[in-house]
Amino acid sequence: MIGGIVLAAGAASRFGSAKQLAELDGVPLLEHAVRTMARAADVGRAVVVLGAEADEVIRRVDLHGLEPIVCSRWQEGQSASLACGLAALADCEAVVVTLGDQPRLALPAIARLVAARGRCPAVRATYGGLPGHPVLLERELFGPLRDVTGDHGARNLLQSVGTTEVPCDDLGGGEDVDTPDQLAALRS
């Protein structure tokens, strides 16, 4: 089974408030990413990893059937949140990882990554030639990824093991929301 992880644990310091709850198209920002993962036909069990404001996020966001996982180490960075998600899905043969602040992620991007499995232990979407999300991780990477730290540890590991890159430029949706100005641009 292929699992799914939506990473949404950060405090959104650049945003200035809980961006998971900021409204876009009438629903919280996080709900867009969660809904996409819930609709992914190739994904069996899926979780959303929370940290900052977890209780409020669970109360206010429709998780569309995804299981909330509260990462007690969320302040250590995205790698700690990823490790929590991987631990929850340890029985999966692979996982697809998306970001909770990537509201326009196109559903076909997940299908493309799953279809590209086989050559490398990781498959990554690219936009304009730059690496982005989603990322598919095979089980052989779960152990090493549990040991990385900070916000860039997983990126460094993926560079060392090699990844299959899958262009997703034609799908749009590669941008994430880090600031109120970026959210305003998506709204317009």
N, C-alpha and C. Protein backbone atom coordinates (compact mmCIF):
# COMPACT_ATOMS: atom_id res chain seq x y z
N MET A 1 0.84 -1.18 0.00
CA MET A 1 0.00 0.00 0.00
C MET A 1 0.89 1.25 0.00
N ILE A 2 0.46 2.25 -0.71
CA ILE A 2 1.12 3.54 -0.71
C ILE A 2 0.38 4.46 0.25
N GLY A 3 1.14 5.06 1.16
CA GLY A 3 0.56 5.97 2.13
C GLY A 3 0.72 7.41 1.69
N GLY A 4 0.07 8.29 2.43
CA GLY A 4 0.16 9.71 2.14
C GLY A 4 0.41 10.51 3.40
N ILE A 5 1.27 11.52 3.29
CA ILE A 5 1.58 12.40 4.42
C ILE A 5 1.41 13.84 3.95
N VAL A 6 0.61 14.61 4.70
CA VAL A 6 0.53 16.05 4.49
C VAL A 6 1.23 16.69 5.68
N LEU A 7 2.30 17.43 5.42
CA LEU A 7 3.06 18.08 6.48
C LEU A 7 2.47 19.46 6.76
N ALA A 8 2.02 19.67 8.00
CA ALA A 8 1.37 20.94 8.36
C ALA A 8 1.61 21.29 9.82
N ALA A 9 2.82 21.04 10.32
CA ALA A 9 3.08 21.20 11.75
C ALA A 9 3.70 22.53 12.13
N GLY A 10 4.24 23.27 11.20
CA GLY A 10 5.00 24.47 11.52
C GLY A 10 4.20 25.60 12.12
N ALA A 11 4.93 26.54 12.73
CA ALA A 11 4.31 27.69 13.38
C ALA A 11 4.06 28.84 12.42
N ALA A 12 4.51 28.74 11.18
CA ALA A 12 4.28 29.77 10.16
C ALA A 12 4.82 31.12 10.59
N SER A 13 6.07 31.15 11.04
CA SER A 13 6.65 32.40 11.54
C SER A 13 6.72 33.47 10.45
N ARG A 14 6.98 33.10 9.21
CA ARG A 14 7.02 34.09 8.13
C ARG A 14 5.62 34.60 7.79
N PHE A 15 4.61 33.78 8.06
CA PHE A 15 3.24 34.17 7.76
C PHE A 15 2.68 35.10 8.84
N GLY A 16 3.10 34.89 10.08
CA GLY A 16 2.66 35.76 11.17
C GLY A 16 1.47 35.24 11.96
N SER A 17 0.85 34.17 11.52
CA SER A 17 -0.26 33.53 12.24
C SER A 17 -0.39 32.11 11.72
N ALA A 18 -1.34 31.37 12.25
CA ALA A 18 -1.53 29.97 11.84
C ALA A 18 -2.04 29.92 10.40
N LYS A 19 -1.11 29.77 9.45
CA LYS A 19 -1.53 29.80 8.05
C LYS A 19 -2.39 28.61 7.67
N GLN A 20 -2.30 27.53 8.44
CA GLN A 20 -3.17 26.39 8.16
C GLN A 20 -4.64 26.81 8.19
N LEU A 21 -4.94 27.84 8.99
CA LEU A 21 -6.31 28.29 9.18
C LEU A 21 -6.68 29.51 8.33
N ALA A 22 -5.71 30.10 7.65
CA ALA A 22 -6.00 31.26 6.79
C ALA A 22 -6.95 30.82 5.68
N GLU A 23 -7.87 31.67 5.34
CA GLU A 23 -8.92 31.30 4.39
C GLU A 23 -8.48 31.50 2.93
N LEU A 24 -8.79 30.52 2.11
CA LEU A 24 -8.61 30.59 0.66
C LEU A 24 -9.82 29.92 0.03
N ASP A 25 -10.53 30.65 -0.79
CA ASP A 25 -11.73 30.13 -1.46
C ASP A 25 -12.76 29.61 -0.47
N GLY A 26 -12.87 30.27 0.68
CA GLY A 26 -13.92 29.94 1.64
C GLY A 26 -13.61 28.82 2.60
N VAL A 27 -12.42 28.24 2.53
CA VAL A 27 -12.04 27.16 3.46
C VAL A 27 -10.62 27.40 3.96
N PRO A 28 -10.24 26.79 5.09
CA PRO A 28 -8.88 26.96 5.57
C PRO A 28 -7.85 26.46 4.54
N LEU A 29 -6.72 27.13 4.48
CA LEU A 29 -5.66 26.80 3.53
C LEU A 29 -5.29 25.32 3.57
N LEU A 30 -5.13 24.76 4.75
CA LEU A 30 -4.75 23.36 4.90
C LEU A 30 -5.76 22.42 4.25
N GLU A 31 -7.02 22.77 4.29
CA GLU A 31 -8.05 21.87 3.76
C GLU A 31 -7.85 21.58 2.27
N HIS A 32 -7.32 22.52 1.52
CA HIS A 32 -7.07 22.28 0.10
C HIS A 32 -6.10 21.12 -0.10
N ALA A 33 -4.97 21.14 0.64
CA ALA A 33 -3.97 20.09 0.52
C ALA A 33 -4.51 18.75 1.02
N VAL A 34 -5.24 18.78 2.11
CA VAL A 34 -5.81 17.56 2.68
C VAL A 34 -6.82 16.93 1.71
N ARG A 35 -7.65 17.75 1.13
CA ARG A 35 -8.66 17.26 0.19
C ARG A 35 -8.00 16.60 -1.02
N THR A 36 -6.92 17.19 -1.52
CA THR A 36 -6.21 16.59 -2.66
C THR A 36 -5.67 15.22 -2.29
N MET A 37 -5.03 15.11 -1.13
CA MET A 37 -4.49 13.82 -0.71
C MET A 37 -5.62 12.81 -0.51
N ALA A 38 -6.73 13.23 0.06
CA ALA A 38 -7.85 12.31 0.29
C ALA A 38 -8.42 11.77 -1.03
N ARG A 39 -8.33 12.53 -2.09
CA ARG A 39 -8.87 12.12 -3.40
C ARG A 39 -7.89 11.30 -4.24
N ALA A 40 -6.65 11.18 -3.80
CA ALA A 40 -5.63 10.48 -4.58
C ALA A 40 -5.95 8.99 -4.63
N ALA A 41 -6.29 8.51 -5.81
CA ALA A 41 -6.70 7.12 -5.99
C ALA A 41 -5.56 6.14 -5.67
N ASP A 42 -4.32 6.58 -5.84
CA ASP A 42 -3.17 5.70 -5.63
C ASP A 42 -2.75 5.60 -4.17
N VAL A 43 -3.35 6.42 -3.31
CA VAL A 43 -2.96 6.47 -1.90
C VAL A 43 -3.99 5.75 -1.05
N GLY A 44 -3.50 4.82 -0.22
CA GLY A 44 -4.38 4.10 0.70
C GLY A 44 -4.60 4.94 1.95
N ARG A 45 -3.90 4.63 3.00
CA ARG A 45 -4.01 5.36 4.27
C ARG A 45 -3.21 6.65 4.20
N ALA A 46 -3.78 7.74 4.73
CA ALA A 46 -3.08 9.02 4.71
C ALA A 46 -3.22 9.71 6.06
N VAL A 47 -2.18 10.47 6.41
CA VAL A 47 -2.15 11.21 7.67
C VAL A 47 -1.81 12.67 7.38
N VAL A 48 -2.20 13.53 8.30
CA VAL A 48 -1.77 14.93 8.28
C VAL A 48 -1.02 15.17 9.58
N VAL A 49 0.23 15.62 9.46
CA VAL A 49 1.08 15.83 10.63
C VAL A 49 0.93 17.27 11.10
N LEU A 50 0.53 17.42 12.34
CA LEU A 50 0.27 18.73 12.94
C LEU A 50 1.22 18.97 14.10
N GLY A 51 1.33 20.22 14.50
CA GLY A 51 2.17 20.59 15.64
C GLY A 51 1.63 21.86 16.26
N ALA A 52 2.11 23.00 15.77
CA ALA A 52 1.64 24.30 16.27
C ALA A 52 0.14 24.42 16.05
N GLU A 53 -0.55 24.86 17.08
CA GLU A 53 -2.01 25.08 16.98
C GLU A 53 -2.78 23.81 16.60
N ALA A 54 -2.26 22.65 16.94
CA ALA A 54 -2.87 21.39 16.50
C ALA A 54 -4.33 21.25 16.92
N ASP A 55 -4.65 21.57 18.15
CA ASP A 55 -6.04 21.42 18.61
C ASP A 55 -6.98 22.31 17.81
N GLU A 56 -6.56 23.54 17.57
CA GLU A 56 -7.38 24.48 16.81
C GLU A 56 -7.54 24.02 15.35
N VAL A 57 -6.47 23.50 14.76
CA VAL A 57 -6.52 23.01 13.39
C VAL A 57 -7.49 21.82 13.30
N ILE A 58 -7.38 20.90 14.23
CA ILE A 58 -8.28 19.73 14.23
C ILE A 58 -9.74 20.18 14.39
N ARG A 59 -9.96 21.18 15.20
CA ARG A 59 -11.32 21.67 15.43
C ARG A 59 -11.90 22.38 14.22
N ARG A 60 -11.07 23.10 13.47
CA ARG A 60 -11.60 23.99 12.43
C ARG A 60 -11.42 23.50 10.99
N VAL A 61 -10.60 22.47 10.77
CA VAL A 61 -10.32 22.03 9.41
C VAL A 61 -10.94 20.66 9.16
N ASP A 62 -11.70 20.54 8.08
CA ASP A 62 -12.22 19.24 7.65
C ASP A 62 -11.03 18.45 7.11
N LEU A 63 -10.67 17.38 7.77
CA LEU A 63 -9.51 16.59 7.37
C LEU A 63 -9.84 15.53 6.33
N HIS A 64 -11.07 15.48 5.88
CA HIS A 64 -11.48 14.59 4.78
C HIS A 64 -11.02 13.15 4.98
N GLY A 65 -11.08 12.68 6.22
CA GLY A 65 -10.74 11.29 6.51
C GLY A 65 -9.28 11.03 6.81
N LEU A 66 -8.40 12.03 6.64
CA LEU A 66 -7.00 11.82 6.99
C LEU A 66 -6.86 11.78 8.50
N GLU A 67 -5.99 10.92 8.98
CA GLU A 67 -5.76 10.78 10.41
C GLU A 67 -4.81 11.87 10.89
N PRO A 68 -5.20 12.66 11.90
CA PRO A 68 -4.27 13.66 12.42
C PRO A 68 -3.22 13.02 13.32
N ILE A 69 -1.97 13.37 13.07
CA ILE A 69 -0.84 12.93 13.89
C ILE A 69 -0.23 14.19 14.47
N VAL A 70 -0.19 14.30 15.78
CA VAL A 70 0.41 15.48 16.41
C VAL A 70 1.86 15.15 16.74
N CYS A 71 2.76 15.88 16.13
CA CYS A 71 4.20 15.68 16.32
C CYS A 71 4.67 16.52 17.50
N SER A 72 5.08 15.87 18.55
CA SER A 72 5.53 16.60 19.74
C SER A 72 6.85 17.33 19.50
N ARG A 73 7.58 16.93 18.47
CA ARG A 73 8.89 17.53 18.16
C ARG A 73 8.81 18.50 16.99
N TRP A 74 7.64 19.03 16.68
CA TRP A 74 7.46 19.85 15.49
C TRP A 74 8.40 21.05 15.44
N GLN A 75 8.79 21.58 16.60
CA GLN A 75 9.67 22.75 16.63
C GLN A 75 11.08 22.45 16.13
N GLU A 76 11.42 21.17 15.99
CA GLU A 76 12.74 20.78 15.49
C GLU A 76 12.83 20.94 13.97
N GLY A 77 11.71 21.19 13.31
CA GLY A 77 11.74 21.39 11.86
C GLY A 77 10.96 20.33 11.11
N GLN A 78 10.92 20.53 9.81
CA GLN A 78 10.12 19.67 8.94
C GLN A 78 10.56 18.21 8.99
N SER A 79 11.85 17.97 9.21
CA SER A 79 12.34 16.59 9.27
C SER A 79 11.70 15.81 10.42
N ALA A 80 11.51 16.46 11.57
CA ALA A 80 10.87 15.80 12.71
C ALA A 80 9.42 15.46 12.36
N SER A 81 8.75 16.35 11.68
CA SER A 81 7.36 16.09 11.27
C SER A 81 7.30 14.94 10.28
N LEU A 82 8.23 14.92 9.34
CA LEU A 82 8.29 13.82 8.38
C LEU A 82 8.52 12.50 9.09
N ALA A 83 9.43 12.50 10.07
CA ALA A 83 9.71 11.27 10.83
C ALA A 83 8.45 10.77 11.53
N CYS A 84 7.65 11.68 12.09
CA CYS A 84 6.39 11.28 12.74
C CYS A 84 5.44 10.64 11.74
N GLY A 85 5.32 11.25 10.58
CA GLY A 85 4.45 10.70 9.54
C GLY A 85 4.92 9.34 9.07
N LEU A 86 6.22 9.19 8.87
CA LEU A 86 6.77 7.91 8.42
C LEU A 86 6.56 6.83 9.48
N ALA A 87 6.70 7.17 10.75
CA ALA A 87 6.47 6.19 11.82
C ALA A 87 5.02 5.72 11.81
N ALA A 88 4.10 6.64 11.54
CA ALA A 88 2.68 6.26 11.51
C ALA A 88 2.35 5.38 10.32
N LEU A 89 3.14 5.47 9.25
CA LEU A 89 2.87 4.71 8.02
C LEU A 89 3.98 3.69 7.74
N ALA A 90 4.61 3.19 8.80
CA ALA A 90 5.76 2.29 8.65
C ALA A 90 5.44 1.01 7.88
N ASP A 91 4.17 0.62 7.83
CA ASP A 91 3.81 -0.61 7.13
C ASP A 91 3.59 -0.39 5.63
N CYS A 92 3.70 0.83 5.15
CA CYS A 92 3.48 1.12 3.73
C CYS A 92 4.73 0.81 2.92
N GLU A 93 4.54 0.46 1.65
CA GLU A 93 5.68 0.20 0.77
C GLU A 93 6.33 1.49 0.28
N ALA A 94 5.56 2.57 0.29
CA ALA A 94 6.04 3.89 -0.11
C ALA A 94 5.05 4.91 0.44
N VAL A 95 5.49 6.18 0.49
CA VAL A 95 4.59 7.26 0.89
C VAL A 95 4.75 8.43 -0.07
N VAL A 96 3.66 9.14 -0.26
CA VAL A 96 3.67 10.39 -1.01
C VAL A 96 3.57 11.51 0.01
N VAL A 97 4.50 12.47 -0.06
CA VAL A 97 4.56 13.57 0.89
C VAL A 97 4.18 14.86 0.17
N THR A 98 3.22 15.58 0.76
CA THR A 98 2.83 16.89 0.25
C THR A 98 2.91 17.89 1.39
N LEU A 99 2.76 19.16 1.05
CA LEU A 99 2.84 20.23 2.05
C LEU A 99 1.46 20.82 2.31
N GLY A 100 1.18 21.10 3.55
CA GLY A 100 -0.11 21.68 3.91
C GLY A 100 -0.29 23.11 3.43
N ASP A 101 0.80 23.76 3.02
CA ASP A 101 0.70 25.13 2.53
C ASP A 101 0.84 25.21 1.00
N GLN A 102 0.52 24.11 0.33
CA GLN A 102 0.55 24.04 -1.13
C GLN A 102 -0.88 23.78 -1.61
N PRO A 103 -1.74 24.80 -1.55
CA PRO A 103 -3.17 24.58 -1.77
C PRO A 103 -3.57 24.27 -3.21
N ARG A 104 -2.75 24.58 -4.18
CA ARG A 104 -3.13 24.34 -5.58
C ARG A 104 -2.49 23.09 -6.16
N LEU A 105 -1.94 22.24 -5.29
CA LEU A 105 -1.36 20.99 -5.77
C LEU A 105 -2.38 20.24 -6.61
N ALA A 106 -1.97 19.86 -7.82
CA ALA A 106 -2.87 19.16 -8.73
C ALA A 106 -2.87 17.66 -8.45
N LEU A 107 -4.03 17.10 -8.37
CA LEU A 107 -4.18 15.66 -8.12
C LEU A 107 -3.37 14.80 -9.08
N PRO A 108 -3.31 15.12 -10.38
CA PRO A 108 -2.51 14.28 -11.30
C PRO A 108 -1.02 14.24 -10.97
N ALA A 109 -0.51 15.20 -10.22
CA ALA A 109 0.91 15.16 -9.84
C ALA A 109 1.20 13.93 -8.99
N ILE A 110 0.30 13.58 -8.10
CA ILE A 110 0.49 12.39 -7.27
C ILE A 110 0.49 11.14 -8.14
N ALA A 111 -0.43 11.06 -9.07
CA ALA A 111 -0.50 9.89 -9.97
C ALA A 111 0.77 9.77 -10.81
N ARG A 112 1.30 10.89 -11.27
CA ARG A 112 2.54 10.86 -12.06
C ARG A 112 3.71 10.30 -11.26
N LEU A 113 3.81 10.69 -10.00
CA LEU A 113 4.90 10.18 -9.18
C LEU A 113 4.77 8.70 -8.94
N VAL A 114 3.57 8.24 -8.67
CA VAL A 114 3.35 6.81 -8.44
C VAL A 114 3.70 6.02 -9.71
N ALA A 115 3.32 6.54 -10.86
CA ALA A 115 3.61 5.87 -12.13
C ALA A 115 5.11 5.83 -12.44
N ALA A 116 5.89 6.74 -11.88
CA ALA A 116 7.32 6.82 -12.15
C ALA A 116 8.16 6.01 -11.17
N ARG A 117 7.56 5.28 -10.26
CA ARG A 117 8.29 4.48 -9.29
C ARG A 117 9.16 3.44 -9.99
N GLY A 118 10.27 3.07 -9.34
CA GLY A 118 11.02 1.93 -9.80
C GLY A 118 12.51 2.14 -10.03
N ARG A 119 12.91 3.28 -10.54
CA ARG A 119 14.33 3.46 -10.85
C ARG A 119 15.13 3.95 -9.65
N CYS A 120 14.57 4.80 -8.85
CA CYS A 120 15.26 5.39 -7.69
C CYS A 120 14.38 5.24 -6.45
N PRO A 121 14.97 5.36 -5.27
CA PRO A 121 14.17 5.23 -4.05
C PRO A 121 13.28 6.45 -3.75
N ALA A 122 13.44 7.51 -4.56
CA ALA A 122 12.60 8.69 -4.37
C ALA A 122 12.18 9.22 -5.74
N VAL A 123 10.98 9.77 -5.79
CA VAL A 123 10.46 10.40 -7.00
C VAL A 123 9.98 11.78 -6.58
N ARG A 124 10.34 12.80 -7.35
CA ARG A 124 10.03 14.16 -6.95
C ARG A 124 9.44 14.94 -8.12
N ALA A 125 8.39 15.71 -7.83
CA ALA A 125 7.83 16.62 -8.82
C ALA A 125 8.78 17.78 -9.01
N THR A 126 8.87 18.28 -10.25
CA THR A 126 9.62 19.49 -10.51
C THR A 126 8.71 20.50 -11.19
N TYR A 127 9.02 21.76 -10.95
CA TYR A 127 8.28 22.88 -11.54
C TYR A 127 9.32 23.84 -12.08
N GLY A 128 9.32 24.06 -13.38
CA GLY A 128 10.33 24.93 -13.98
C GLY A 128 11.73 24.40 -13.77
N GLY A 129 11.86 23.09 -13.68
CA GLY A 129 13.16 22.46 -13.47
C GLY A 129 13.63 22.44 -12.03
N LEU A 130 12.87 23.04 -11.13
CA LEU A 130 13.25 23.08 -9.72
C LEU A 130 12.48 22.02 -8.93
N PRO A 131 13.14 21.38 -7.96
CA PRO A 131 12.45 20.35 -7.17
C PRO A 131 11.33 20.95 -6.32
N GLY A 132 10.26 20.19 -6.19
CA GLY A 132 9.12 20.63 -5.40
C GLY A 132 8.41 19.43 -4.79
N HIS A 133 7.14 19.62 -4.51
CA HIS A 133 6.30 18.56 -3.95
C HIS A 133 5.14 18.30 -4.89
N PRO A 134 4.62 17.11 -4.89
CA PRO A 134 4.86 16.01 -3.95
C PRO A 134 6.19 15.31 -4.19
N VAL A 135 6.55 14.49 -3.17
CA VAL A 135 7.71 13.63 -3.22
C VAL A 135 7.23 12.24 -2.82
N LEU A 136 7.66 11.22 -3.56
CA LEU A 136 7.34 9.84 -3.21
C LEU A 136 8.61 9.20 -2.65
N LEU A 137 8.48 8.56 -1.50
CA LEU A 137 9.61 7.93 -0.82
C LEU A 137 9.35 6.44 -0.67
N GLU A 138 10.27 5.63 -1.14
CA GLU A 138 10.16 4.18 -0.98
C GLU A 138 10.54 3.79 0.46
N ARG A 139 10.07 2.65 0.90
CA ARG A 139 10.29 2.19 2.27
C ARG A 139 11.77 2.17 2.65
N GLU A 140 12.65 1.89 1.72
CA GLU A 140 14.08 1.81 2.06
C GLU A 140 14.63 3.14 2.60
N LEU A 141 13.92 4.23 2.36
CA LEU A 141 14.35 5.54 2.87
C LEU A 141 13.75 5.89 4.23
N PHE A 142 12.75 5.14 4.68
CA PHE A 142 12.07 5.50 5.92
C PHE A 142 13.05 5.58 7.10
N GLY A 143 13.91 4.57 7.27
CA GLY A 143 14.87 4.56 8.38
C GLY A 143 15.82 5.74 8.32
N PRO A 144 16.52 5.94 7.20
CA PRO A 144 17.43 7.08 7.12
C PRO A 144 16.73 8.43 7.31
N LEU A 145 15.50 8.56 6.84
CA LEU A 145 14.79 9.83 6.97
C LEU A 145 14.35 10.11 8.40
N ARG A 146 14.20 9.07 9.20
CA ARG A 146 13.86 9.29 10.61
C ARG A 146 15.03 9.89 11.38
N ASP A 147 16.24 9.80 10.82
CA ASP A 147 17.43 10.27 11.52
C ASP A 147 17.89 11.66 11.09
N VAL A 148 17.28 12.25 10.06
CA VAL A 148 17.71 13.58 9.62
C VAL A 148 17.10 14.65 10.53
N THR A 149 17.69 15.84 10.50
CA THR A 149 17.22 16.91 11.38
C THR A 149 17.01 18.20 10.59
N GLY A 150 16.28 19.11 11.21
CA GLY A 150 16.08 20.44 10.63
C GLY A 150 15.11 20.47 9.48
N ASP A 151 15.11 21.60 8.78
CA ASP A 151 14.19 21.78 7.66
C ASP A 151 14.79 21.33 6.33
N HIS A 152 16.09 21.04 6.30
CA HIS A 152 16.72 20.69 5.03
C HIS A 152 17.33 19.30 5.03
N GLY A 153 17.24 18.58 6.13
CA GLY A 153 17.87 17.27 6.22
C GLY A 153 17.36 16.29 5.20
N ALA A 154 16.06 16.24 4.98
CA ALA A 154 15.50 15.32 4.00
C ALA A 154 15.97 15.67 2.61
N ARG A 155 16.04 16.95 2.29
CA ARG A 155 16.49 17.40 0.97
C ARG A 155 17.91 16.92 0.71
N ASN A 156 18.78 17.03 1.71
CA ASN A 156 20.16 16.59 1.56
C ASN A 156 20.25 15.09 1.33
N LEU A 157 19.46 14.32 2.07
CA LEU A 157 19.46 12.88 1.89
C LEU A 157 18.98 12.51 0.49
N LEU A 158 17.93 13.15 0.02
CA LEU A 158 17.41 12.85 -1.31
C LEU A 158 18.45 13.15 -2.39
N GLN A 159 19.21 14.20 -2.22
CA GLN A 159 20.26 14.50 -3.19
C GLN A 159 21.33 13.42 -3.20
N SER A 160 21.59 12.82 -2.06
CA SER A 160 22.64 11.81 -1.99
C SER A 160 22.20 10.45 -2.54
N VAL A 161 20.91 10.13 -2.46
CA VAL A 161 20.45 8.82 -2.96
C VAL A 161 19.97 8.88 -4.40
N GLY A 162 19.75 10.07 -4.89
CA GLY A 162 19.24 10.20 -6.25
C GLY A 162 17.74 10.08 -6.29
N THR A 163 17.15 10.86 -7.17
CA THR A 163 15.70 10.85 -7.31
C THR A 163 15.33 10.82 -8.79
N THR A 164 14.17 10.28 -9.06
CA THR A 164 13.58 10.40 -10.38
C THR A 164 12.78 11.70 -10.37
N GLU A 165 13.07 12.57 -11.31
CA GLU A 165 12.36 13.84 -11.38
C GLU A 165 11.25 13.75 -12.40
N VAL A 166 10.08 14.22 -12.01
CA VAL A 166 8.89 14.16 -12.86
C VAL A 166 8.39 15.59 -13.09
N PRO A 167 8.53 16.11 -14.30
CA PRO A 167 8.05 17.46 -14.58
C PRO A 167 6.53 17.56 -14.39
N CYS A 168 6.12 18.58 -13.64
CA CYS A 168 4.70 18.82 -13.39
C CYS A 168 4.32 20.26 -13.73
N ASP A 169 5.16 20.94 -14.52
CA ASP A 169 4.92 22.34 -14.88
C ASP A 169 3.53 22.55 -15.47
N ASP A 170 3.10 21.62 -16.29
CA ASP A 170 1.82 21.77 -16.98
C ASP A 170 0.63 21.66 -16.03
N LEU A 171 0.87 21.19 -14.82
CA LEU A 171 -0.21 21.03 -13.85
C LEU A 171 -0.39 22.24 -12.96
N GLY A 172 0.61 23.11 -12.91
CA GLY A 172 0.54 24.24 -11.97
C GLY A 172 0.56 23.73 -10.55
N GLY A 173 0.33 24.60 -9.61
CA GLY A 173 0.17 24.18 -8.22
C GLY A 173 1.45 23.92 -7.47
N GLY A 174 2.60 24.26 -8.02
CA GLY A 174 3.85 23.99 -7.34
C GLY A 174 4.21 24.96 -6.24
N GLU A 175 3.54 26.10 -6.20
CA GLU A 175 3.91 27.12 -5.22
C GLU A 175 3.28 26.84 -3.86
N ASP A 176 4.06 27.18 -2.83
CA ASP A 176 3.52 27.10 -1.48
C ASP A 176 3.33 28.51 -0.95
N VAL A 177 2.61 28.60 0.15
CA VAL A 177 2.28 29.89 0.74
C VAL A 177 3.09 30.08 2.02
N ASP A 178 4.02 31.03 1.97
CA ASP A 178 4.84 31.33 3.15
C ASP A 178 4.53 32.68 3.77
N THR A 179 3.90 33.58 2.99
CA THR A 179 3.65 34.95 3.48
C THR A 179 2.22 35.35 3.14
N PRO A 180 1.69 36.34 3.85
CA PRO A 180 0.36 36.85 3.50
C PRO A 180 0.29 37.38 2.06
N ASP A 181 1.38 37.95 1.55
CA ASP A 181 1.39 38.43 0.17
C ASP A 181 1.22 37.28 -0.82
N GLN A 182 1.84 36.15 -0.56
CA GLN A 182 1.69 34.99 -1.44
C GLN A 182 0.26 34.48 -1.41
N LEU A 183 -0.36 34.50 -0.24
CA LEU A 183 -1.76 34.09 -0.16
C LEU A 183 -2.64 35.08 -0.92
N ALA A 184 -2.36 36.36 -0.79
CA ALA A 184 -3.13 37.37 -1.51
C ALA A 184 -3.00 37.17 -3.02
N ALA A 185 -1.82 36.81 -3.47
CA ALA A 185 -1.62 36.57 -4.92
C ALA A 185 -2.44 35.37 -5.38
N LEU A 186 -2.56 34.34 -4.57
CA LEU A 186 -3.38 33.18 -4.94
C LEU A 186 -4.87 33.55 -4.97
N ARG A 187 -5.26 34.44 -4.09
CA ARG A 187 -6.67 34.85 -4.02
C ARG A 187 -7.07 35.66 -5.24
N SER A 188 -6.11 36.34 -5.87
CA SER A 188 -6.48 37.25 -6.98
C SER A 188 -6.38 36.61 -8.33
